[in-house]
N, C-alpha and C. Protein backbone atom coordinates (compact mmCIF):
# COMPACT_ATOMS: atom_id res chain seq x y z
N MET A 1 21.45 5.29 4.23
CA MET A 1 21.26 5.76 2.87
C MET A 1 19.85 5.40 2.40
N GLU A 2 19.14 6.37 1.87
CA GLU A 2 17.79 6.14 1.38
C GLU A 2 17.82 5.68 -0.08
N THR A 3 16.91 4.81 -0.44
CA THR A 3 16.78 4.34 -1.81
C THR A 3 15.91 5.32 -2.59
N PRO A 4 16.37 5.84 -3.75
CA PRO A 4 15.55 6.77 -4.53
C PRO A 4 14.22 6.12 -4.92
N GLY A 5 13.12 6.88 -4.81
CA GLY A 5 11.80 6.39 -5.18
C GLY A 5 11.13 5.53 -4.13
N LEU A 6 11.77 5.34 -2.98
CA LEU A 6 11.20 4.50 -1.93
C LEU A 6 10.56 5.40 -0.89
N ASP A 7 9.26 5.24 -0.68
CA ASP A 7 8.52 6.07 0.27
C ASP A 7 8.00 5.21 1.40
N ARG A 8 8.07 5.73 2.62
CA ARG A 8 7.47 5.05 3.76
C ARG A 8 6.01 5.51 3.84
N VAL A 9 5.12 4.57 3.98
CA VAL A 9 3.69 4.85 4.06
C VAL A 9 3.23 4.41 5.43
N GLY A 10 2.72 5.34 6.23
CA GLY A 10 2.30 4.98 7.58
C GLY A 10 3.48 4.54 8.40
N THR A 11 3.32 3.49 9.17
CA THR A 11 4.40 2.98 10.02
C THR A 11 4.74 1.56 9.60
N GLY A 12 5.97 1.32 9.21
CA GLY A 12 6.44 -0.03 8.94
C GLY A 12 6.28 -0.55 7.54
N ILE A 13 5.63 0.17 6.64
CA ILE A 13 5.47 -0.33 5.27
C ILE A 13 6.22 0.59 4.32
N ARG A 14 6.78 -0.02 3.27
CA ARG A 14 7.48 0.74 2.25
C ARG A 14 6.77 0.53 0.92
N GLN A 15 6.80 1.57 0.10
CA GLN A 15 6.11 1.50 -1.18
C GLN A 15 7.01 2.13 -2.25
N VAL A 16 7.14 1.45 -3.39
CA VAL A 16 7.87 1.98 -4.55
C VAL A 16 6.84 2.13 -5.64
N GLY A 17 6.46 3.35 -5.95
CA GLY A 17 5.36 3.57 -6.89
C GLY A 17 4.10 2.97 -6.31
N ARG A 18 3.50 2.02 -7.04
CA ARG A 18 2.29 1.34 -6.55
C ARG A 18 2.61 -0.02 -5.94
N ILE A 19 3.91 -0.39 -5.87
CA ILE A 19 4.32 -1.68 -5.32
C ILE A 19 4.54 -1.55 -3.82
N VAL A 20 3.86 -2.38 -3.05
CA VAL A 20 3.98 -2.38 -1.59
C VAL A 20 4.97 -3.46 -1.18
N LEU A 21 5.91 -3.09 -0.30
CA LEU A 21 6.93 -4.04 0.15
C LEU A 21 6.62 -4.50 1.57
N CYS A 22 6.91 -5.76 1.85
CA CYS A 22 6.64 -6.38 3.14
C CYS A 22 7.45 -5.71 4.25
N PRO A 23 6.81 -5.34 5.36
CA PRO A 23 7.54 -4.75 6.47
C PRO A 23 8.44 -5.76 7.19
N ALA A 24 8.18 -7.06 7.03
CA ALA A 24 8.96 -8.08 7.72
C ALA A 24 10.22 -8.48 6.95
N CYS A 25 10.09 -8.67 5.61
CA CYS A 25 11.23 -9.19 4.86
C CYS A 25 11.62 -8.35 3.65
N GLY A 26 10.79 -7.41 3.24
CA GLY A 26 11.11 -6.55 2.10
C GLY A 26 10.67 -7.07 0.74
N ALA A 27 10.03 -8.24 0.71
CA ALA A 27 9.53 -8.79 -0.57
C ALA A 27 8.29 -8.03 -1.01
N VAL A 28 7.90 -8.22 -2.26
CA VAL A 28 6.70 -7.59 -2.80
C VAL A 28 5.47 -8.21 -2.13
N MET A 29 4.52 -7.35 -1.76
CA MET A 29 3.27 -7.84 -1.16
C MET A 29 2.19 -7.92 -2.24
N LEU A 30 1.26 -8.85 -2.06
CA LEU A 30 0.17 -9.05 -2.99
C LEU A 30 -1.14 -8.58 -2.36
N GLU A 31 -1.95 -7.88 -3.15
CA GLU A 31 -3.27 -7.47 -2.67
C GLU A 31 -4.17 -8.69 -2.66
N VAL A 32 -4.77 -8.99 -1.50
CA VAL A 32 -5.63 -10.17 -1.41
C VAL A 32 -7.10 -9.83 -1.18
N ASP A 33 -7.38 -8.59 -0.76
CA ASP A 33 -8.77 -8.21 -0.53
C ASP A 33 -8.88 -6.70 -0.53
N ARG A 34 -10.05 -6.20 -0.93
CA ARG A 34 -10.31 -4.76 -0.93
C ARG A 34 -11.77 -4.57 -0.53
N LEU A 35 -12.01 -3.63 0.38
CA LEU A 35 -13.35 -3.40 0.91
C LEU A 35 -13.62 -1.91 0.98
N ARG A 36 -14.78 -1.49 0.50
CA ARG A 36 -15.19 -0.09 0.63
C ARG A 36 -16.18 0.00 1.78
N GLU A 37 -15.85 0.82 2.76
CA GLU A 37 -16.71 0.98 3.92
C GLU A 37 -16.80 2.45 4.28
N HIS A 38 -18.01 2.99 4.27
CA HIS A 38 -18.25 4.41 4.52
C HIS A 38 -17.42 5.23 3.53
N ASN A 39 -16.52 6.05 3.99
CA ASN A 39 -15.73 6.91 3.10
C ASN A 39 -14.29 6.44 2.94
N HIS A 40 -14.05 5.15 3.15
CA HIS A 40 -12.69 4.63 3.07
C HIS A 40 -12.61 3.35 2.25
N ILE A 41 -11.43 3.12 1.69
CA ILE A 41 -11.11 1.87 1.01
C ILE A 41 -10.07 1.15 1.88
N PHE A 42 -10.38 -0.08 2.27
CA PHE A 42 -9.45 -0.91 3.05
C PHE A 42 -8.87 -1.95 2.12
N THR A 43 -7.54 -2.02 2.03
CA THR A 43 -6.86 -2.97 1.17
C THR A 43 -5.97 -3.87 2.03
N TRP A 44 -6.15 -5.18 1.89
CA TRP A 44 -5.38 -6.15 2.67
C TRP A 44 -4.29 -6.74 1.79
N PHE A 45 -3.05 -6.70 2.28
CA PHE A 45 -1.90 -7.24 1.55
C PHE A 45 -1.29 -8.38 2.34
N GLU A 46 -0.75 -9.38 1.62
CA GLU A 46 0.02 -10.46 2.23
C GLU A 46 1.33 -10.59 1.47
N CYS A 47 2.38 -11.01 2.17
CA CYS A 47 3.70 -11.17 1.58
C CYS A 47 3.66 -12.26 0.51
N SER A 48 4.42 -12.04 -0.57
CA SER A 48 4.47 -13.02 -1.67
C SER A 48 5.43 -14.18 -1.37
N LYS A 49 6.29 -14.04 -0.35
CA LYS A 49 7.19 -15.14 0.00
C LYS A 49 6.44 -16.19 0.80
N GLU A 50 6.61 -17.44 0.41
CA GLU A 50 5.89 -18.54 1.04
C GLU A 50 6.21 -18.70 2.53
N ASP A 51 7.46 -18.47 2.90
CA ASP A 51 7.87 -18.70 4.29
C ASP A 51 7.75 -17.45 5.18
N CYS A 52 7.13 -16.39 4.67
CA CYS A 52 6.95 -15.15 5.46
C CYS A 52 5.47 -14.96 5.76
N GLY A 53 5.17 -14.53 6.96
CA GLY A 53 3.78 -14.31 7.35
C GLY A 53 3.40 -12.84 7.35
N GLY A 54 4.19 -11.99 6.65
CA GLY A 54 3.93 -10.55 6.65
C GLY A 54 2.57 -10.20 6.07
N GLN A 55 1.85 -9.32 6.77
CA GLN A 55 0.53 -8.85 6.33
C GLN A 55 0.45 -7.36 6.60
N TRP A 56 -0.44 -6.68 5.84
CA TRP A 56 -0.61 -5.25 6.03
C TRP A 56 -2.01 -4.86 5.63
N LEU A 57 -2.65 -4.01 6.42
CA LEU A 57 -3.96 -3.45 6.10
C LEU A 57 -3.78 -1.97 5.86
N GLN A 58 -4.17 -1.50 4.68
CA GLN A 58 -4.03 -0.10 4.32
C GLN A 58 -5.40 0.54 4.27
N LYS A 59 -5.53 1.73 4.83
CA LYS A 59 -6.78 2.47 4.85
C LYS A 59 -6.56 3.79 4.11
N GLU A 60 -7.39 4.05 3.10
CA GLU A 60 -7.29 5.28 2.33
C GLU A 60 -8.65 5.94 2.24
N PRO A 61 -8.71 7.26 2.20
CA PRO A 61 -9.99 7.92 1.95
C PRO A 61 -10.48 7.53 0.56
N GLN A 62 -11.76 7.28 0.43
CA GLN A 62 -12.33 6.80 -0.83
C GLN A 62 -12.06 7.77 -1.97
N PHE A 63 -12.14 9.06 -1.75
CA PHE A 63 -12.00 10.02 -2.83
C PHE A 63 -10.58 10.09 -3.40
N SER A 64 -9.57 9.57 -2.69
CA SER A 64 -8.19 9.68 -3.18
C SER A 64 -7.75 8.46 -3.97
N VAL A 65 -8.51 7.39 -3.97
CA VAL A 65 -8.09 6.15 -4.62
C VAL A 65 -8.34 6.24 -6.12
N GLY A 66 -7.26 6.22 -6.89
CA GLY A 66 -7.36 6.17 -8.34
C GLY A 66 -7.82 7.44 -9.03
N ARG A 67 -7.94 8.53 -8.33
CA ARG A 67 -8.39 9.77 -8.93
C ARG A 67 -7.20 10.64 -9.30
N LYS A 68 -7.34 11.35 -10.39
CA LYS A 68 -6.37 12.33 -10.81
C LYS A 68 -7.05 13.70 -10.69
N TRP A 69 -6.39 14.60 -10.04
CA TRP A 69 -6.96 15.93 -9.84
C TRP A 69 -6.26 16.92 -10.75
N SER A 70 -7.00 17.84 -11.31
CA SER A 70 -6.41 18.91 -12.11
C SER A 70 -7.16 20.20 -11.83
N LEU A 71 -6.44 21.28 -11.92
CA LEU A 71 -7.03 22.60 -11.71
C LEU A 71 -7.14 23.29 -13.05
N SER A 72 -8.29 23.87 -13.31
CA SER A 72 -8.45 24.63 -14.56
C SER A 72 -8.41 26.11 -14.25
N ALA A 73 -7.81 26.85 -15.14
CA ALA A 73 -7.67 28.31 -14.93
C ALA A 73 -8.87 29.05 -15.44
């Protein structure tokens, strides 16, 4: 059974809205670093649970981060 609003991003990571969930334990992940390199934004996440070592590196095209697109007629 799928949870409503839960999307799989890439392989092994789950995201609910803008909240990233740990692939190891399912806890909320915290953003610990962000780097812009060439045309991409790299975001490093670590699990918020003290006893979990879950980590995730997300790569997004620079133009898609935080932008809202609209079409005018």
